[in-house]
């Protein structure tokens, strides 16, 4: 079976933009044309590939097609560039966890942009879950915590991010004094990033050897998360690049001195003979070497 490249391009645009209308604006066609192309693609396959909603999402069949569509689009752009000697802007969808974006990853994007006409589409996702974006075809590459390669992908170890449990001195005085640390942590409020964030619970298990579930505030953005800890809303796990500065300034203290959680990070990307993917991987490795613990 052969696919229509225009239909594939439209399919990718719908999923990237989240709606038929937005895809139409990106492709500079009418929403009706987008709808007709998707219907023709589904008729050809005999299966629905797009779940109509807000946002539009790929079905199980669509996820398999999306992987193919992204590979075709990437290789097509590079082939045209090789023939013409000019490079059109290449959309590079990637998945990166919030703390990497907040610390070491952005220099890799800047590095690549100096040598390639790349346009990044960044999906922010917890490192424990970002591999799913590779499986369903949403991204070409991802920062993950999983060393096991997704089918069709290569894995490269990047290094480790270290997190320290921190709170304000006033918070520590109120919640952590006069009791044993395990007893205090069973009741002391903490800050988590979202429901997928298990760093605080991992620290609790490491310190207390118990499964605890104290009150928690969920704040799903890096800067507000840090600020919540800084103003004493709760204790939380903060990456050491930020933690060291806060501790040195006396604004925060360690909740459990000497205890930390190390999170190993890996770079997974599709197995494609692609110049821009190779260049992106090299840029990510350089940034990781400068910003992560490697030993």
Protein backbone atom coordinates (compact mmCIF):
# COMPACT_ATOMS: atom_id res chain seq x y z
CA UNK A 1 0.00 0.00 0.00
CA UNK A 2 1.29 3.44 -0.93
CA UNK A 3 0.40 6.55 1.05
CA UNK A 4 -0.40 9.98 -0.30
CA UNK A 5 2.27 12.36 1.01
CA UNK A 6 -0.21 15.25 1.20
CA UNK A 7 -2.57 13.17 3.32
CA UNK A 8 0.30 12.17 5.63
CA UNK A 9 1.40 15.79 5.97
CA UNK A 10 -2.14 16.80 6.83
CA UNK A 11 -2.46 13.98 9.36
CA UNK A 12 0.70 15.11 11.16
CA UNK A 13 -0.44 18.74 11.12
CA UNK A 14 -3.79 17.85 12.74
CA UNK A 15 -2.06 16.01 15.59
CA UNK A 16 0.67 18.62 16.07
CA UNK A 17 -1.76 21.54 16.08
CA UNK A 18 -4.55 19.76 17.96
CA UNK A 19 -7.45 20.57 15.61
CA UNK A 20 -8.53 20.57 11.99
CA UNK A 21 -8.87 24.37 11.99
CA UNK A 22 -5.35 24.92 13.33
CA UNK A 23 -3.94 22.39 10.86
CA UNK A 24 -5.69 24.27 8.05
CA UNK A 25 -4.03 27.52 9.12
CA UNK A 26 -0.62 25.84 9.22
CA UNK A 27 -1.09 24.26 5.78
CA UNK A 28 -2.81 27.34 4.34
CA UNK A 29 -5.85 25.42 3.17
CA UNK A 30 -9.47 25.33 4.26
CA UNK A 31 -10.69 23.22 7.20
CA UNK A 32 -12.87 21.39 4.70
CA UNK A 33 -9.80 20.38 2.71
CA UNK A 34 -8.15 19.07 5.87
CA UNK A 35 -11.27 17.06 6.74
CA UNK A 36 -11.47 15.60 3.23
CA UNK A 37 -7.81 14.53 3.30
CA UNK A 38 -8.17 12.80 6.67
CA UNK A 39 -11.37 11.05 5.55
CA UNK A 40 -9.65 9.88 2.36
CA UNK A 41 -6.69 8.56 4.40
CA UNK A 42 -9.02 6.70 6.77
CA UNK A 43 -11.04 5.31 3.88
CA UNK A 44 -7.85 4.02 2.27
CA UNK A 45 -6.73 2.35 5.50
CA UNK A 46 -10.18 1.16 6.50
CA UNK A 47 -9.60 2.50 10.02
CA UNK A 48 -10.07 5.70 11.96
CA UNK A 49 -6.70 7.35 12.63
CA UNK A 50 -7.78 10.58 14.36
CA UNK A 51 -9.98 10.87 17.44
CA UNK A 52 -11.93 14.07 16.89
CA UNK A 53 -11.79 16.11 20.08
CA UNK A 54 -10.02 18.96 21.79
CA UNK A 55 -7.23 18.28 21.20
CA UNK A 56 -7.38 15.83 18.29
CA UNK A 57 -5.47 12.65 19.11
CA UNK A 58 -4.23 9.60 17.26
CA UNK A 59 -6.04 6.31 17.60
CA UNK A 60 -3.99 3.12 18.10
CA UNK A 61 -3.87 2.69 14.34
CA UNK A 62 -3.05 6.38 13.97
CA UNK A 63 -0.07 6.09 16.34
CA UNK A 64 1.57 3.52 14.08
CA UNK A 65 0.87 5.71 11.06
CA UNK A 66 2.22 8.79 12.85
CA UNK A 67 5.61 7.17 13.35
CA UNK A 68 5.80 6.46 9.62
CA UNK A 69 4.56 9.94 8.69
CA UNK A 70 7.19 11.69 10.82
CA UNK A 71 9.99 9.54 9.43
CA UNK A 72 8.88 10.18 5.87
CA UNK A 73 8.61 13.93 6.48
CA UNK A 74 12.07 14.14 8.06
CA UNK A 75 13.80 12.12 5.35
CA UNK A 76 11.90 13.93 2.60
CA UNK A 77 13.10 17.33 3.79
CA UNK A 78 16.69 16.13 4.00
CA UNK A 79 16.53 14.55 0.53
CA UNK A 80 15.17 17.78 -0.99
CA UNK A 81 17.91 19.73 0.78
CA UNK A 82 20.57 17.44 -0.68
CA UNK A 83 19.21 17.96 -4.20
CA UNK A 84 18.54 21.70 -4.01
CA UNK A 85 21.37 22.67 -1.70
CA UNK A 86 18.93 24.62 0.50
CA UNK A 87 17.21 23.51 3.68
CA UNK A 88 13.60 24.21 4.58
CA UNK A 89 12.78 24.60 8.25
CA UNK A 90 12.48 21.18 9.87
CA UNK A 91 10.00 20.64 12.70
CA UNK A 92 11.63 18.58 15.44
CA UNK A 93 9.12 17.24 18.01
CA UNK A 94 10.85 16.14 21.23
CA UNK A 95 9.81 15.26 24.79
CA UNK A 96 11.78 16.67 27.72
CA UNK A 97 11.11 16.73 31.46
CA UNK A 98 10.54 20.09 33.16
CA UNK A 99 13.72 20.13 35.26
CA UNK A 100 15.92 19.38 32.24
CA UNK A 101 14.24 22.21 30.35
CA UNK A 102 14.78 24.46 33.35
CA UNK A 103 18.47 23.62 33.61
CA UNK A 104 20.69 21.94 31.04
CA UNK A 105 18.65 21.16 27.91
CA UNK A 106 17.97 24.54 26.28
CA UNK A 107 21.66 25.06 25.34
CA UNK A 108 21.39 21.90 23.21
CA UNK A 109 18.53 23.47 21.25
CA UNK A 110 20.52 26.66 20.78
CA UNK A 111 23.55 24.65 19.70
CA UNK A 112 21.57 22.87 16.97
CA UNK A 113 19.87 26.06 15.79
CA UNK A 114 23.26 27.55 14.96
CA UNK A 115 23.94 24.90 12.32
CA UNK A 116 20.48 23.69 11.23
CA UNK A 117 17.21 25.31 10.23
CA UNK A 118 15.28 23.55 13.00
CA UNK A 119 11.97 24.46 14.63
CA UNK A 120 11.43 22.63 17.91
CA UNK A 121 8.07 21.40 19.14
CA UNK A 122 8.73 20.55 22.80
CA UNK A 123 6.39 18.31 24.77
CA UNK A 124 7.04 18.68 28.50
CA UNK A 125 6.65 15.31 30.19
CA UNK A 126 8.00 13.56 33.28
CA UNK A 127 11.12 11.53 32.48
CA UNK A 128 9.40 8.38 33.77
CA UNK A 129 6.65 8.73 31.16
CA UNK A 130 8.23 10.50 28.16
CA UNK A 131 9.07 7.22 26.39
CA UNK A 132 5.37 6.81 25.65
CA UNK A 133 5.64 9.80 23.29
CA UNK A 134 8.15 7.78 21.26
CA UNK A 135 5.92 4.73 21.22
CA UNK A 136 2.92 6.59 19.88
CA UNK A 137 4.88 8.58 17.30
CA UNK A 138 4.37 12.00 18.87
CA UNK A 139 8.11 12.78 19.01
CA UNK A 140 11.32 11.87 17.23
CA UNK A 141 13.41 11.86 20.42
CA UNK A 142 13.00 12.15 24.17
CA UNK A 143 14.83 12.54 27.47
CA UNK A 144 13.74 9.53 29.52
CA UNK A 145 14.55 7.73 32.76
CA UNK A 146 14.19 4.33 31.05
CA UNK A 147 17.36 2.65 29.72
CA UNK A 148 15.28 0.10 27.80
CA UNK A 149 14.97 1.19 24.18
CA UNK A 150 11.54 1.76 22.73
CA UNK A 151 11.13 -0.46 19.67
CA UNK A 152 12.88 1.18 16.74
CA UNK A 153 14.90 3.56 18.93
CA UNK A 154 18.48 3.98 20.09
CA UNK A 155 19.40 4.84 23.69
CA UNK A 156 22.33 6.90 24.94
CA UNK A 157 23.07 7.51 28.62
CA UNK A 158 23.22 11.21 29.49
CA UNK A 159 24.05 11.38 33.20
CA UNK A 160 22.24 11.97 36.50
CA UNK A 161 20.20 14.77 38.00
CA UNK A 162 20.53 14.98 41.80
CA UNK A 163 17.65 16.22 43.93
CA UNK A 164 17.83 17.38 47.55
CA UNK A 165 14.87 17.62 49.98
CA UNK A 166 14.62 21.29 50.94
CA UNK A 167 12.46 23.60 53.05
CA UNK A 168 12.71 27.04 54.60
CA UNK A 169 14.33 27.33 58.05
CA UNK A 170 10.95 28.50 59.41
CA UNK A 171 9.18 25.49 57.93
CA UNK A 172 11.79 23.13 59.40
CA UNK A 173 11.38 24.77 62.81
CA UNK A 174 7.60 24.39 62.69
CA UNK A 175 7.24 20.89 61.27
CA UNK A 176 10.48 18.99 61.85
CA UNK A 177 11.63 19.86 65.36
CA UNK A 178 10.67 18.02 68.54
CA UNK A 179 9.95 14.72 66.74
CA UNK A 180 11.92 11.98 65.08
CA UNK A 181 12.37 12.67 61.38
CA UNK A 182 10.17 9.73 60.23
CA UNK A 183 7.41 10.85 62.61
CA UNK A 184 7.67 14.48 61.44
CA UNK A 185 7.68 13.61 57.74
CA UNK A 186 4.51 11.57 58.12
CA UNK A 187 2.62 14.82 58.79
CA UNK A 188 4.72 17.60 57.22
CA UNK A 189 3.14 19.07 54.04
CA UNK A 190 5.15 18.64 50.87
CA UNK A 191 5.09 20.03 47.33
CA UNK A 192 4.86 17.71 44.30
CA UNK A 193 5.03 18.64 40.63
CA UNK A 194 1.97 16.61 39.61
CA UNK A 195 0.41 13.19 40.17
CA UNK A 196 3.27 11.56 38.22
CA UNK A 197 5.94 13.07 40.46
CA UNK A 198 7.20 10.39 42.86
CA UNK A 199 10.50 12.00 43.93
CA UNK A 200 9.19 13.16 47.30
CA UNK A 201 7.71 9.73 48.04
CA UNK A 202 10.97 8.06 47.04
CA UNK A 203 12.81 10.26 49.54
CA UNK A 204 10.25 9.41 52.24
CA UNK A 205 10.75 5.70 51.63
CA UNK A 206 14.54 6.14 51.67
CA UNK A 207 14.51 8.02 54.99
CA UNK A 208 11.71 6.25 56.88
CA UNK A 209 11.61 2.78 55.30
CA UNK A 210 7.85 3.25 55.35
CA UNK A 211 5.19 4.03 52.78
CA UNK A 212 3.92 7.46 53.83
CA UNK A 213 1.36 9.73 52.21
CA UNK A 214 1.52 13.16 53.90
CA UNK A 215 -0.47 16.21 52.69
CA UNK A 216 0.78 17.45 49.31
CA UNK A 217 0.36 20.54 47.13
CA UNK A 218 0.56 19.83 43.37
CA UNK A 219 2.22 22.68 41.44
CA UNK A 220 2.99 21.62 37.82
CA UNK A 221 5.54 24.24 36.77
CA UNK A 222 9.21 24.47 37.73
CA UNK A 223 9.44 28.13 38.76
CA UNK A 224 6.21 28.13 40.86
CA UNK A 225 7.25 24.76 42.37
CA UNK A 226 10.54 26.25 43.53
CA UNK A 227 8.80 29.37 44.79
CA UNK A 228 6.31 27.29 46.77
CA UNK A 229 9.21 25.68 48.63
CA UNK A 230 10.96 29.05 49.06
CA UNK A 231 7.94 30.64 50.76
CA UNK A 232 7.40 27.64 53.06
CA UNK A 233 4.28 26.07 51.55
CA UNK A 234 5.90 22.66 51.91
CA UNK A 235 9.14 20.78 51.50
CA UNK A 236 10.13 19.50 48.08
CA UNK A 237 12.85 17.87 46.02
CA UNK A 238 14.90 20.48 44.17
CA UNK A 239 17.70 19.82 41.68
CA UNK A 240 21.15 20.45 43.11
CA UNK A 241 22.05 23.22 40.64
CA UNK A 242 19.30 25.31 42.25
CA UNK A 243 19.54 23.80 45.74
CA UNK A 244 23.22 24.64 46.27
CA UNK A 245 22.59 28.35 45.69
CA UNK A 246 19.57 28.43 48.00
CA UNK A 247 21.38 26.59 50.79
CA UNK A 248 24.45 28.81 50.52
CA UNK A 249 22.24 31.90 50.80
CA UNK A 250 20.50 30.50 53.89
CA UNK A 251 17.07 30.64 52.25
CA UNK A 252 16.57 26.87 52.36
CA UNK A 253 17.85 23.99 54.46
CA UNK A 254 18.01 20.24 53.91
CA UNK A 255 15.07 18.35 55.36
CA UNK A 256 17.10 15.15 55.61
CA UNK A 257 20.80 16.13 55.63
CA UNK A 258 22.95 13.82 53.54
CA UNK A 259 19.99 12.23 51.76
CA UNK A 260 19.27 12.76 48.09
CA UNK A 261 17.70 11.10 45.05
CA UNK A 262 19.65 10.63 41.83
CA UNK A 263 17.65 10.29 38.61
CA UNK A 264 19.53 8.75 35.66
CA UNK A 265 18.60 10.26 32.31
CA UNK A 266 18.80 8.78 28.82
CA UNK A 267 18.34 10.13 25.31
CA UNK A 268 16.19 7.96 23.07
CA UNK A 269 15.71 8.69 19.39
CA UNK A 270 14.44 6.85 16.34
CA UNK A 271 16.85 4.73 14.32
CA UNK A 272 16.99 6.88 11.20
CA UNK A 273 19.88 7.82 8.95
CA UNK A 274 19.17 11.50 9.53
CA UNK A 275 21.72 14.27 9.61
CA UNK A 276 19.61 16.54 11.81
CA UNK A 277 18.85 13.77 14.33
CA UNK A 278 22.55 12.94 14.53
CA UNK A 279 23.38 16.62 15.03
CA UNK A 280 20.68 16.99 17.68
CA UNK A 281 21.97 13.95 19.54
CA UNK A 282 25.52 15.34 19.49
CA UNK A 283 24.25 18.69 20.83
CA UNK A 284 22.26 16.98 23.59
CA UNK A 285 25.30 14.96 24.65
CA UNK A 286 27.44 18.10 24.83
CA UNK A 287 24.83 19.89 26.93
CA UNK A 288 24.39 16.87 29.22
CA UNK A 289 28.14 16.58 29.73
CA UNK A 290 28.22 20.22 30.84
CA UNK A 291 25.07 20.17 32.99
CA UNK A 292 24.60 16.68 34.46
CA UNK A 293 26.51 14.49 36.86
CA UNK A 294 28.36 11.87 34.84
CA UNK A 295 29.90 9.79 37.64
